[in-house]
Amino acid sequence: MPRLPSDPPVPEPTPAPASRTAHRLRHALGWLIVLAGASVLGSQFWQYLQHNPVVLQALVGGSVAALATALGTLPVLLSQNLSDRTQDTLFGFGAGVMLAACAFSLILPGLEAVRAQPQWGGNAWAAGGIVGSAILLGAGVMMLMDKLLPHEHFIKGREGLDLDMARKLRRTWLFVIAIALHNLPEGLAIGVGYAANEGMRANALATGIAIQDVPEGLVVAVALLAAGYSRRFAVLLGMASGLVEPVGAVIGAAIISGSAALLPWGLGFAAGAMLFVISHEIIPESHRKGHEAFATGGLMLGFVLMMVLDTALG
């Protein structure tokens, strides 16, 4: 007979022990398949690295930058106090390092790479046109990603085309996407630098990015803490934010190392992507709270440090 509205709800039947066991077995089998697949992919990737030392060097350089980001988050475990003025100074320092890296480690080698190609015969106009086009392409791709991907900045708030998707995503993942958009150009720059087969200059570039990643990791963790996340979660997410860099480094090196003709395009593309992040993200963030003088001082120090590293080690 049909149930009346006043009747108590009928409890759902408790799964039988045999059903629970079968579910656990399927779950365990699924994890075994995933681990086996990851093991096979890892083995194949390692063999690929053995035959492509440039990509291996890029992976190491990107991993060092990721480690520097992780180290920068550790002070948050001890203290959460970081003044706005200090944060803006660190933002400026990172912008200065990235600016110098664009100029000395990416754009100038890109111009030299074009002039060294026989088909251009040292033509300065061709060098400027190719590298300039690559810079605009890199900035354009980053701008498109910034417009299309929903993400959230610590100060500016949510951005991106699909606001409905942004509302559905947890705030944490919006922060993760924003951090990935910020760190990806750094990883690409490291990878393309090693693909240029200039070991000392690439090492200088990776070192400079790693140096600025230390305060960057600290700022990210502090901002997450101020946004309401727990101290431990802020540190873990800040550490994870650097993992984009070795991925970007491997992608950049793998694509560019296969063709000398692509090298100047890769160098210019990485420079354009970094310039977009500097102008669109870092400098506005550092000037938003009235500490322009400290942010500019940090930028000058970062620029000089990266210039010295590049000229001394390059």
C-alpha atoms as a PDB file:
ATOM      1  CA  MET A   1       0.000   0.000   0.000  1.00  0.00           C
ATOM      2  CA  PRO A   2       1.245   3.569  -0.595  1.00  0.00           C
ATOM      3  CA  ARG A   3       3.020   5.390   2.249  1.00  0.00           C
ATOM      4  CA  LEU A   4       1.186   8.277   3.918  1.00  0.00           C
ATOM      5  CA  PRO A   5       2.959  11.625   4.463  1.00  0.00           C
ATOM      6  CA  SER A   6       2.779  11.051   8.220  1.00  0.00           C
ATOM      7  CA  ASP A   7       4.549   7.714   8.025  1.00  0.00           C
ATOM      8  CA  PRO A   8       8.129   7.707   9.355  1.00  0.00           C
ATOM      9  CA  PRO A   9      10.870   7.507   6.692  1.00  0.00           C
ATOM     10  CA  VAL A  10      11.964   4.058   5.793  1.00  0.00           C
ATOM     11  CA  PRO A  11      15.644   3.590   6.684  1.00  0.00           C
ATOM     12  CA  GLU A  12      17.941   2.660   3.826  1.00  0.00           C
ATOM     13  CA  PRO A  13      19.103  -0.918   3.968  1.00  0.00           C
ATOM     14  CA  THR A  14      22.571  -1.399   5.432  1.00  0.00           C
ATOM     15  CA  PRO A  15      24.995  -2.758   2.840  1.00  0.00           C
ATOM     16  CA  ALA A  16      25.802  -6.368   3.380  1.00  0.00           C
ATOM     17  CA  PRO A  17      29.335  -7.219   4.544  1.00  0.00           C
ATOM     18  CA  ALA A  18      29.996  -8.941   1.230  1.00  0.00           C
ATOM     19  CA  SER A  19      29.005  -5.761  -0.655  1.00  0.00           C
ATOM     20  CA  ARG A  20      31.339  -3.612   1.487  1.00  0.00           C
ATOM     21  CA  THR A  21      34.186  -6.056   0.886  1.00  0.00           C
ATOM     22  CA  ALA A  22      33.618  -5.987  -2.868  1.00  0.00           C
ATOM     23  CA  HIS A  23      33.601  -2.171  -2.814  1.00  0.00           C
ATOM     24  CA  ARG A  24      36.895  -2.074  -0.939  1.00  0.00           C
ATOM     25  CA  LEU A  25      38.439  -4.558  -3.336  1.00  0.00           C
ATOM     26  CA  ARG A  26      37.386  -2.460  -6.324  1.00  0.00           C
ATOM     27  CA  HIS A  27      38.779   0.645  -4.623  1.00  0.00           C
ATOM     28  CA  ALA A  28      42.100  -1.049  -3.917  1.00  0.00           C
ATOM     29  CA  LEU A  29      42.247  -2.431  -7.464  1.00  0.00           C
ATOM     30  CA  GLY A  30      41.671   1.043  -8.854  1.00  0.00           C
ATOM     31  CA  TRP A  31      44.550   2.453  -6.816  1.00  0.00           C
ATOM     32  CA  LEU A  32      46.814  -0.386  -7.913  1.00  0.00           C
ATOM     33  CA  ILE A  33      46.031   0.370 -11.569  1.00  0.00           C
ATOM     34  CA  VAL A  34      46.739   4.079 -11.024  1.00  0.00           C
ATOM     35  CA  LEU A  35      50.036   3.351  -9.244  1.00  0.00           C
ATOM     36  CA  ALA A  36      51.074   0.873 -11.923  1.00  0.00           C
ATOM     37  CA  GLY A  37      50.332   3.401 -14.653  1.00  0.00           C
ATOM     38  CA  ALA A  38      52.225   6.119 -12.798  1.00  0.00           C
ATOM     39  CA  SER A  39      55.187   3.762 -12.371  1.00  0.00           C
ATOM     40  CA  VAL A  40      55.279   2.982 -16.097  1.00  0.00           C
ATOM     41  CA  LEU A  41      55.015   6.657 -17.028  1.00  0.00           C
ATOM     42  CA  GLY A  42      57.711   7.545 -14.514  1.00  0.00           C
ATOM     43  CA  SER A  43      60.038   4.904 -15.940  1.00  0.00           C
ATOM     44  CA  GLN A  44      59.469   6.112 -19.494  1.00  0.00           C
ATOM     45  CA  PHE A  45      59.987   9.738 -18.442  1.00  0.00           C
ATOM     46  CA  TRP A  46      63.265   8.832 -16.733  1.00  0.00           C
ATOM     47  CA  GLN A  47      64.480   7.093 -19.887  1.00  0.00           C
ATOM     48  CA  TYR A  48      63.521  10.200 -21.867  1.00  0.00           C
ATOM     49  CA  LEU A  49      65.559  12.368 -19.479  1.00  0.00           C
ATOM     50  CA  GLN A  50      68.578  10.097 -19.891  1.00  0.00           C
ATOM     51  CA  HIS A  51      68.530  10.713 -23.650  1.00  0.00           C
ATOM     52  CA  ASN A  52      67.764  14.441 -23.300  1.00  0.00           C
ATOM     53  CA  PRO A  53      70.197  15.959 -20.779  1.00  0.00           C
ATOM     54  CA  VAL A  54      68.985  19.489 -21.515  1.00  0.00           C
ATOM     55  CA  VAL A  55      65.496  18.588 -20.302  1.00  0.00           C
ATOM     56  CA  LEU A  56      67.029  16.960 -17.216  1.00  0.00           C
ATOM     57  CA  GLN A  57      68.957  20.153 -16.474  1.00  0.00           C
ATOM     58  CA  ALA A  58      65.767  22.161 -16.876  1.00  0.00           C
ATOM     59  CA  LEU A  59      63.956  19.813 -14.499  1.00  0.00           C
ATOM     60  CA  VAL A  60      66.693  20.271 -11.900  1.00  0.00           C
ATOM     61  CA  GLY A  61      66.645  24.058 -12.324  1.00  0.00           C
ATOM     62  CA  GLY A  62      62.866  24.192 -12.029  1.00  0.00           C
ATOM     63  CA  SER A  63      62.956  21.905  -8.997  1.00  0.00           C
ATOM     64  CA  VAL A  64      65.470  24.198  -7.278  1.00  0.00           C
ATOM     65  CA  ALA A  65      63.096  27.118  -7.848  1.00  0.00           C
ATOM     66  CA  ALA A  66      60.216  25.069  -6.438  1.00  0.00           C
ATOM     67  CA  LEU A  67      62.321  24.176  -3.397  1.00  0.00           C
ATOM     68  CA  ALA A  68      63.129  27.854  -2.875  1.00  0.00           C
ATOM     69  CA  THR A  69      59.399  28.633  -2.889  1.00  0.00           C
ATOM     70  CA  ALA A  70      58.835  25.916  -0.298  1.00  0.00           C
ATOM     71  CA  LEU A  71      61.623  27.249   1.922  1.00  0.00           C
ATOM     72  CA  GLY A  72      60.106  30.713   1.790  1.00  0.00           C
ATOM     73  CA  THR A  73      56.849  29.487   3.319  1.00  0.00           C
ATOM     74  CA  LEU A  74      58.452  27.977   6.434  1.00  0.00           C
ATOM     75  CA  PRO A  75      58.623  31.196   8.530  1.00  0.00           C
ATOM     76  CA  VAL A  76      54.808  31.243   8.542  1.00  0.00           C
ATOM     77  CA  LEU A  77      54.929  28.191  10.817  1.00  0.00           C
ATOM     78  CA  LEU A  78      56.681  30.357  13.410  1.00  0.00           C
ATOM     79  CA  SER A  79      55.074  33.759  12.931  1.00  0.00           C
ATOM     80  CA  GLN A  80      52.226  35.147  10.881  1.00  0.00           C
ATOM     81  CA  ASN A  81      53.256  38.806  11.143  1.00  0.00           C
ATOM     82  CA  LEU A  82      54.497  40.354   7.905  1.00  0.00           C
ATOM     83  CA  SER A  83      53.740  44.016   7.432  1.00  0.00           C
ATOM     84  CA  ASP A  84      52.151  45.332   4.256  1.00  0.00           C
ATOM     85  CA  ARG A  85      55.251  47.435   3.643  1.00  0.00           C
ATOM     86  CA  THR A  86      57.472  44.366   3.821  1.00  0.00           C
ATOM     87  CA  GLN A  87      55.177  42.438   1.503  1.00  0.00           C
ATOM     88  CA  ASP A  88      55.211  45.255  -1.050  1.00  0.00           C
ATOM     89  CA  THR A  89      59.000  45.481  -0.849  1.00  0.00           C
ATOM     90  CA  LEU A  90      59.270  41.746  -1.514  1.00  0.00           C
ATOM     91  CA  PHE A  91      56.825  42.052  -4.421  1.00  0.00           C
ATOM     92  CA  GLY A  92      59.026  44.775  -5.880  1.00  0.00           C
ATOM     93  CA  PHE A  93      62.167  42.685  -5.380  1.00  0.00           C
ATOM     94  CA  GLY A  94      60.621  39.788  -7.299  1.00  0.00           C
ATOM     95  CA  ALA A  95      59.542  42.133 -10.098  1.00  0.00           C
ATOM     96  CA  GLY A  96      63.088  43.490 -10.369  1.00  0.00           C
ATOM     97  CA  VAL A  97      64.618  40.025 -10.621  1.00  0.00           C
ATOM     98  CA  MET A  98      62.128  39.027 -13.296  1.00  0.00           C
ATOM     99  CA  LEU A  99      62.682  42.258 -15.268  1.00  0.00           C
ATOM    100  CA  ALA A 100      66.443  41.731 -15.357  1.00  0.00           C
ATOM    101  CA  ALA A 101      65.955  38.069 -16.251  1.00  0.00           C
ATOM    102  CA  CYS A 102      63.758  39.097 -19.182  1.00  0.00           C
ATOM    103  CA  ALA A 103      66.355  41.547 -20.460  1.00  0.00           C
ATOM    104  CA  PHE A 104      69.670  39.798 -19.856  1.00  0.00           C
ATOM    105  CA  SER A 105      68.749  36.099 -19.819  1.00  0.00           C
ATOM    106  CA  LEU A 106      65.968  35.951 -22.430  1.00  0.00           C
ATOM    107  CA  ILE A 107      65.676  38.907 -24.799  1.00  0.00           C
ATOM    108  CA  LEU A 108      69.372  39.552 -25.460  1.00  0.00           C
ATOM    109  CA  PRO A 109      70.168  35.830 -26.013  1.00  0.00           C
ATOM    110  CA  GLY A 110      67.100  35.654 -28.270  1.00  0.00           C
ATOM    111  CA  LEU A 111      68.424  38.488 -30.429  1.00  0.00           C
ATOM    112  CA  GLU A 112      71.818  36.794 -30.589  1.00  0.00           C
ATOM    113  CA  ALA A 113      70.189  33.488 -31.578  1.00  0.00           C
ATOM    114  CA  VAL A 114      68.426  35.094 -34.544  1.00  0.00           C
ATOM    115  CA  ARG A 115      71.559  36.863 -35.741  1.00  0.00           C
ATOM    116  CA  ALA A 116      73.491  33.585 -35.505  1.00  0.00           C
ATOM    117  CA  GLN A 117      71.105  31.786 -37.880  1.00  0.00           C
ATOM    118  CA  PRO A 118      72.536  31.641 -41.429  1.00  0.00           C
ATOM    119  CA  GLN A 119      69.290  32.532 -43.169  1.00  0.00           C
ATOM    120  CA  TRP A 120      69.208  35.930 -41.467  1.00  0.00           C
ATOM    121  CA  GLY A 121      72.886  36.769 -41.907  1.00  0.00           C
ATOM    122  CA  GLY A 122      73.115  38.857 -38.761  1.00  0.00           C
ATOM    123  CA  ASN A 123      70.188  41.069 -39.793  1.00  0.00           C
ATOM    124  CA  ALA A 124      69.318  43.237 -36.785  1.00  0.00           C
ATOM    125  CA  TRP A 125      65.845  44.089 -38.150  1.00  0.00           C
ATOM    126  CA  ALA A 126      64.992  40.413 -38.476  1.00  0.00           C
ATOM    127  CA  ALA A 127      66.267  39.760 -34.950  1.00  0.00           C
ATOM    128  CA  GLY A 128      64.173  42.568 -33.496  1.00  0.00           C
ATOM    129  CA  GLY A 129      61.091  41.569 -35.466  1.00  0.00           C
ATOM    130  CA  ILE A 130      61.208  37.901 -34.511  1.00  0.00           C
ATOM    131  CA  VAL A 131      61.957  38.402 -30.820  1.00  0.00           C
ATOM    132  CA  GLY A 132      59.498  41.305 -30.598  1.00  0.00           C
ATOM    133  CA  SER A 133      56.749  39.192 -32.157  1.00  0.00           C
ATOM    134  CA  ALA A 134      57.538  36.362 -29.739  1.00  0.00           C
ATOM    135  CA  ILE A 135      57.329  38.761 -26.780  1.00  0.00           C
ATOM    136  CA  LEU A 136      53.914  39.973 -27.889  1.00  0.00           C
ATOM    137  CA  LEU A 137      52.785  36.379 -28.470  1.00  0.00           C
ATOM    138  CA  GLY A 138      53.842  35.326 -24.965  1.00  0.00           C
ATOM    139  CA  ALA A 139      52.098  38.302 -23.377  1.00  0.00           C
ATOM    140  CA  GLY A 140      48.998  37.693 -25.516  1.00  0.00           C
ATOM    141  CA  VAL A 141      48.740  34.049 -24.462  1.00  0.00           C
ATOM    142  CA  MET A 142      49.048  35.006 -20.798  1.00  0.00           C
ATOM    143  CA  MET A 143      46.412  37.718 -21.241  1.00  0.00           C
ATOM    144  CA  LEU A 144      44.061  35.214 -22.879  1.00  0.00           C
ATOM    145  CA  MET A 145      44.577  32.715 -20.052  1.00  0.00           C
ATOM    146  CA  ASP A 146      44.001  35.483 -17.520  1.00  0.00           C
ATOM    147  CA  LYS A 147      40.697  36.363 -19.185  1.00  0.00           C
ATOM    148  CA  LEU A 148      39.423  32.817 -19.676  1.00  0.00           C
ATOM    149  CA  LEU A 149      40.523  30.974 -16.528  1.00  0.00           C
ATOM    150  CA  PRO A 150      38.618  31.785 -13.333  1.00  0.00           C
ATOM    151  CA  HIS A 151      41.041  32.705 -10.589  1.00  0.00           C
ATOM    152  CA  GLU A 152      41.258  34.851  -7.486  1.00  0.00           C
ATOM    153  CA  HIS A 153      43.899  37.360  -6.455  1.00  0.00           C
ATOM    154  CA  PHE A 154      44.630  38.130  -2.836  1.00  0.00           C
ATOM    155  CA  ILE A 155      43.759  41.807  -3.248  1.00  0.00           C
ATOM    156  CA  LYS A 156      41.904  42.300  -6.550  1.00  0.00           C
ATOM    157  CA  GLY A 157      39.518  39.407  -5.969  1.00  0.00           C
ATOM    158  CA  ARG A 158      38.014  37.109  -8.590  1.00  0.00           C
ATOM    159  CA  GLU A 159      38.773  37.443 -12.290  1.00  0.00           C
ATOM    160  CA  GLY A 160      38.164  35.419 -15.423  1.00  0.00           C
ATOM    161  CA  LEU A 161      35.451  35.050 -18.036  1.00  0.00           C
ATOM    162  CA  ASP A 162      33.363  32.249 -16.543  1.00  0.00           C
ATOM    163  CA  LEU A 163      32.122  33.805 -13.310  1.00  0.00           C
ATOM    164  CA  ASP A 164      29.531  31.048 -12.851  1.00  0.00           C
ATOM    165  CA  MET A 165      32.339  28.513 -12.825  1.00  0.00           C
ATOM    166  CA  ALA A 166      34.248  30.700 -10.398  1.00  0.00           C
ATOM    167  CA  ARG A 167      31.311  30.672  -8.007  1.00  0.00           C
ATOM    168  CA  LYS A 168      31.203  26.900  -8.119  1.00  0.00           C
ATOM    169  CA  LEU A 169      34.919  26.421  -7.512  1.00  0.00           C
ATOM    170  CA  ARG A 170      36.189  26.509  -3.957  1.00  0.00           C
ATOM    171  CA  ARG A 171      38.150  29.645  -3.164  1.00  0.00           C
ATOM    172  CA  THR A 172      41.286  27.586  -2.562  1.00  0.00           C
ATOM    173  CA  TRP A 173      41.331  26.350  -6.140  1.00  0.00           C
ATOM    174  CA  LEU A 174      40.880  29.869  -7.465  1.00  0.00           C
ATOM    175  CA  PHE A 175      44.006  30.841  -5.551  1.00  0.00           C
ATOM    176  CA  VAL A 176      45.806  27.790  -6.949  1.00  0.00           C
ATOM    177  CA  ILE A 177      44.937  28.800 -10.529  1.00  0.00           C
ATOM    178  CA  ALA A 178      46.140  32.354  -9.899  1.00  0.00           C
ATOM    179  CA  ILE A 179      49.445  31.087  -8.473  1.00  0.00           C
ATOM    180  CA  ALA A 180      49.888  28.728 -11.416  1.00  0.00           C
ATOM    181  CA  LEU A 181      49.335  31.608 -13.867  1.00  0.00           C
ATOM    182  CA  HIS A 182      52.013  33.534 -11.979  1.00  0.00           C
ATOM    183  CA  ASN A 183      54.630  30.769 -11.757  1.00  0.00           C
ATOM    184  CA  LEU A 184      54.251  29.145 -15.172  1.00  0.00           C
ATOM    185  CA  PRO A 185      56.248  31.821 -17.055  1.00  0.00           C
ATOM    186  CA  GLU A 186      59.118  31.432 -14.593  1.00  0.00           C
ATOM    187  CA  GLY A 187      59.298  27.709 -15.268  1.00  0.00           C
ATOM    188  CA  LEU A 188      59.102  28.259 -19.025  1.00  0.00           C
ATOM    189  CA  ALA A 189      61.928  30.782 -18.797  1.00  0.00           C
ATOM    190  CA  ILE A 190      64.152  28.294 -16.944  1.00  0.00           C
ATOM    191  CA  GLY A 191      63.461  25.548 -19.464  1.00  0.00           C
ATOM    192  CA  VAL A 192      64.043  27.761 -22.495  1.00  0.00           C
ATOM    193  CA  GLY A 193      67.227  29.086 -20.901  1.00  0.00           C
ATOM    194  CA  TYR A 194      68.677  25.597 -20.661  1.00  0.00           C
ATOM    195  CA  ALA A 195      67.469  24.789 -24.171  1.00  0.00           C
ATOM    196  CA  ALA A 196      69.698  27.637 -25.404  1.00  0.00           C
ATOM    197  CA  ASN A 197      72.700  25.469 -24.409  1.00  0.00           C
ATOM    198  CA  GLU A 198      74.257  28.291 -22.412  1.00  0.00           C
ATOM    199  CA  GLY A 199      74.916  26.508 -19.134  1.00  0.00           C
ATOM    200  CA  MET A 200      76.276  29.367 -17.020  1.00  0.00           C
ATOM    201  CA  ARG A 201      73.692  31.884 -18.207  1.00  0.00           C
ATOM    202  CA  ALA A 202      70.900  29.352 -17.672  1.00  0.00           C
ATOM    203  CA  ASN A 203      72.258  28.631 -14.193  1.00  0.00           C
ATOM    204  CA  ALA A 204      72.273  32.359 -13.463  1.00  0.00           C
ATOM    205  CA  LEU A 205      68.671  32.618 -14.637  1.00  0.00           C
ATOM    206  CA  ALA A 206      67.566  29.654 -12.511  1.00  0.00           C
ATOM    207  CA  THR A 207      69.483  31.039  -9.511  1.00  0.00           C
ATOM    208  CA  GLY A 208      67.904  34.468  -9.844  1.00  0.00           C
ATOM    209  CA  ILE A 209      64.390  33.046 -10.118  1.00  0.00           C
ATOM    210  CA  ALA A 210      65.050  30.779  -7.126  1.00  0.00           C
ATOM    211  CA  ILE A 211      66.238  33.771  -5.068  1.00  0.00           C
ATOM    212  CA  GLN A 212      63.077  35.738  -5.779  1.00  0.00           C
ATOM    213  CA  ASP A 213      60.958  32.626  -5.172  1.00  0.00           C
ATOM    214  CA  VAL A 214      61.969  32.593  -1.494  1.00  0.00           C
ATOM    215  CA  PRO A 215      60.195  35.856  -0.589  1.00  0.00           C
ATOM    216  CA  GLU A 216      57.463  34.996  -3.080  1.00  0.00           C
ATOM    217  CA  GLY A 217      56.692  31.780  -1.212  1.00  0.00           C
ATOM    218  CA  LEU A 218      56.574  33.731   2.045  1.00  0.00           C
ATOM    219  CA  VAL A 219      54.190  36.327   0.613  1.00  0.00           C
ATOM    220  CA  VAL A 220      51.886  33.643  -0.811  1.00  0.00           C
ATOM    221  CA  ALA A 221      51.710  31.781   2.507  1.00  0.00           C
ATOM    222  CA  VAL A 222      51.108  34.984   4.485  1.00  0.00           C
ATOM    223  CA  ALA A 223      48.367  36.058   2.087  1.00  0.00           C
ATOM    224  CA  LEU A 224      46.661  32.667   2.368  1.00  0.00           C
ATOM    225  CA  LEU A 225      46.870  32.937   6.153  1.00  0.00           C
ATOM    226  CA  ALA A 226      45.313  36.407   6.044  1.00  0.00           C
ATOM    227  CA  ALA A 227      42.564  35.059   3.773  1.00  0.00           C
ATOM    228  CA  GLY A 228      41.431  32.761   6.599  1.00  0.00           C
ATOM    229  CA  TYR A 229      43.237  29.500   5.920  1.00  0.00           C
ATOM    230  CA  SER A 230      44.957  27.561   8.675  1.00  0.00           C
ATOM    231  CA  ARG A 231      48.678  28.019   9.203  1.00  0.00           C
ATOM    232  CA  ARG A 232      49.488  24.472   8.110  1.00  0.00           C
ATOM    233  CA  PHE A 233      47.286  24.636   5.011  1.00  0.00           C
ATOM    234  CA  ALA A 234      48.743  28.023   3.996  1.00  0.00           C
ATOM    235  CA  VAL A 235      52.256  26.594   4.180  1.00  0.00           C
ATOM    236  CA  LEU A 236      51.352  23.426   2.267  1.00  0.00           C
ATOM    237  CA  LEU A 237      49.575  25.325  -0.506  1.00  0.00           C
ATOM    238  CA  GLY A 238      52.421  27.844  -0.661  1.00  0.00           C
ATOM    239  CA  MET A 239      54.878  24.974  -1.094  1.00  0.00           C
ATOM    240  CA  ALA A 240      52.690  23.373  -3.759  1.00  0.00           C
ATOM    241  CA  SER A 241      52.536  26.648  -5.692  1.00  0.00           C
ATOM    242  CA  GLY A 242      56.148  26.164  -6.767  1.00  0.00           C
ATOM    243  CA  LEU A 243      55.500  22.783  -8.387  1.00  0.00           C
ATOM    244  CA  VAL A 244      54.314  24.513 -11.551  1.00  0.00           C
ATOM    245  CA  GLU A 245      57.867  25.686 -12.229  1.00  0.00           C
ATOM    246  CA  PRO A 246      59.575  22.330 -12.890  1.00  0.00           C
ATOM    247  CA  VAL A 247      56.597  21.360 -15.072  1.00  0.00           C
ATOM    248  CA  GLY A 248      56.956  24.559 -17.070  1.00  0.00           C
ATOM    249  CA  ALA A 249      60.735  24.096 -17.253  1.00  0.00           C
ATOM    250  CA  VAL A 250      60.392  20.592 -18.722  1.00  0.00           C
ATOM    251  CA  ILE A 251      57.785  21.760 -21.251  1.00  0.00           C
ATOM    252  CA  GLY A 252      59.897  24.722 -22.340  1.00  0.00           C
ATOM    253  CA  ALA A 253      63.096  22.713 -22.703  1.00  0.00           C
ATOM    254  CA  ALA A 254      61.401  19.788 -24.453  1.00  0.00           C
ATOM    255  CA  ILE A 255      59.776  22.001 -27.087  1.00  0.00           C
ATOM    256  CA  ILE A 256      62.670  24.358 -27.787  1.00  0.00           C
ATOM    257  CA  SER A 257      65.604  21.937 -27.631  1.00  0.00           C
ATOM    258  CA  GLY A 258      64.330  20.056 -30.677  1.00  0.00           C
ATOM    259  CA  SER A 259      64.739  22.976 -33.087  1.00  0.00           C
ATOM    260  CA  ALA A 260      67.290  25.795 -33.278  1.00  0.00           C
ATOM    261  CA  ALA A 261      64.798  27.871 -35.275  1.00  0.00           C
ATOM    262  CA  LEU A 262      62.358  27.808 -32.337  1.00  0.00           C
ATOM    263  CA  LEU A 263      64.946  29.019 -29.815  1.00  0.00           C
ATOM    264  CA  PRO A 264      64.528  32.791 -30.303  1.00  0.00           C
ATOM    265  CA  TRP A 265      60.761  32.342 -30.388  1.00  0.00           C
ATOM    266  CA  GLY A 266      60.893  30.411 -27.104  1.00  0.00           C
ATOM    267  CA  LEU A 267      63.151  32.983 -25.432  1.00  0.00           C
ATOM    268  CA  GLY A 268      60.931  35.854 -26.543  1.00  0.00           C
ATOM    269  CA  PHE A 269      57.734  34.003 -25.607  1.00  0.00           C
ATOM    270  CA  ALA A 270      59.017  33.353 -22.065  1.00  0.00           C
ATOM    271  CA  ALA A 271      60.099  36.987 -21.742  1.00  0.00           C
ATOM    272  CA  GLY A 272      56.695  38.228 -22.891  1.00  0.00           C
ATOM    273  CA  ALA A 273      54.868  35.962 -20.473  1.00  0.00           C
ATOM    274  CA  MET A 274      57.034  37.191 -17.596  1.00  0.00           C
ATOM    275  CA  LEU A 275      56.628  40.841 -18.610  1.00  0.00           C
ATOM    276  CA  PHE A 276      52.850  40.381 -18.573  1.00  0.00           C
ATOM    277  CA  VAL A 277      52.956  38.970 -15.041  1.00  0.00           C
ATOM    278  CA  ILE A 278      55.237  41.801 -13.872  1.00  0.00           C
ATOM    279  CA  SER A 279      53.038  44.569 -15.304  1.00  0.00           C
ATOM    280  CA  HIS A 280      49.617  42.985 -14.772  1.00  0.00           C
ATOM    281  CA  GLU A 281      50.109  41.336 -11.388  1.00  0.00           C
ATOM    282  CA  ILE A 282      53.217  42.119  -9.358  1.00  0.00           C
ATOM    283  CA  ILE A 283      53.703  45.877  -9.738  1.00  0.00           C
ATOM    284  CA  PRO A 284      49.992  46.739  -9.266  1.00  0.00           C
ATOM    285  CA  GLU A 285      49.883  44.529  -6.160  1.00  0.00           C
ATOM    286  CA  SER A 286      52.999  46.231  -4.735  1.00  0.00           C
ATOM    287  CA  HIS A 287      51.594  49.756  -5.324  1.00  0.00           C
ATOM    288  CA  ARG A 288      48.075  49.158  -4.071  1.00  0.00           C
ATOM    289  CA  LYS A 289      48.638  49.995  -0.389  1.00  0.00           C
ATOM    290  CA  GLY A 290      50.645  53.215  -0.632  1.00  0.00           C
ATOM    291  CA  HIS A 291      54.170  51.767  -0.315  1.00  0.00           C
ATOM    292  CA  GLU A 292      55.350  52.664  -3.808  1.00  0.00           C
ATOM    293  CA  ALA A 293      58.740  53.922  -2.613  1.00  0.00           C
ATOM    294  CA  PHE A 294      59.574  50.658  -0.828  1.00  0.00           C
ATOM    295  CA  ALA A 295      58.264  48.587  -3.735  1.00  0.00           C
ATOM    296  CA  THR A 296      60.394  50.580  -6.176  1.00  0.00           C
ATOM    297  CA  GLY A 297      63.435  50.214  -3.939  1.00  0.00           C
ATOM    298  CA  GLY A 298      62.903  46.462  -3.842  1.00  0.00           C
ATOM    299  CA  LEU A 299      62.543  46.408  -7.635  1.00  0.00           C
ATOM    300  CA  MET A 300      65.848  48.246  -8.098  1.00  0.00           C
ATOM    301  CA  LEU A 301      67.667  45.871  -5.735  1.00  0.00           C
ATOM    302  CA  GLY A 302      66.218  42.811  -7.448  1.00  0.00           C
ATOM    303  CA  PHE A 303      67.099  44.133 -10.900  1.00  0.00           C
ATOM    304  CA  VAL A 304      70.711  44.860  -9.943  1.00  0.00           C
ATOM    305  CA  LEU A 305      71.121  41.494  -8.214  1.00  0.00           C
ATOM    306  CA  MET A 306      69.872  39.589 -11.270  1.00  0.00           C
ATOM    307  CA  MET A 307      72.004  41.728 -13.592  1.00  0.00           C
ATOM    308  CA  VAL A 308      75.124  40.992 -11.551  1.00  0.00           C
ATOM    309  CA  LEU A 309      74.324  37.271 -11.481  1.00  0.00           C
ATOM    310  CA  ASP A 310      73.802  37.167 -15.241  1.00  0.00           C
ATOM    311  CA  THR A 311      76.877  39.181 -16.178  1.00  0.00           C
ATOM    312  CA  ALA A 312      79.143  37.477 -13.625  1.00  0.00           C
ATOM    313  CA  LEU A 313      78.027  33.914 -14.339  1.00  0.00           C
ATOM    314  CA  GLY A 314      77.143  34.352 -18.010  1.00  0.00           C
END
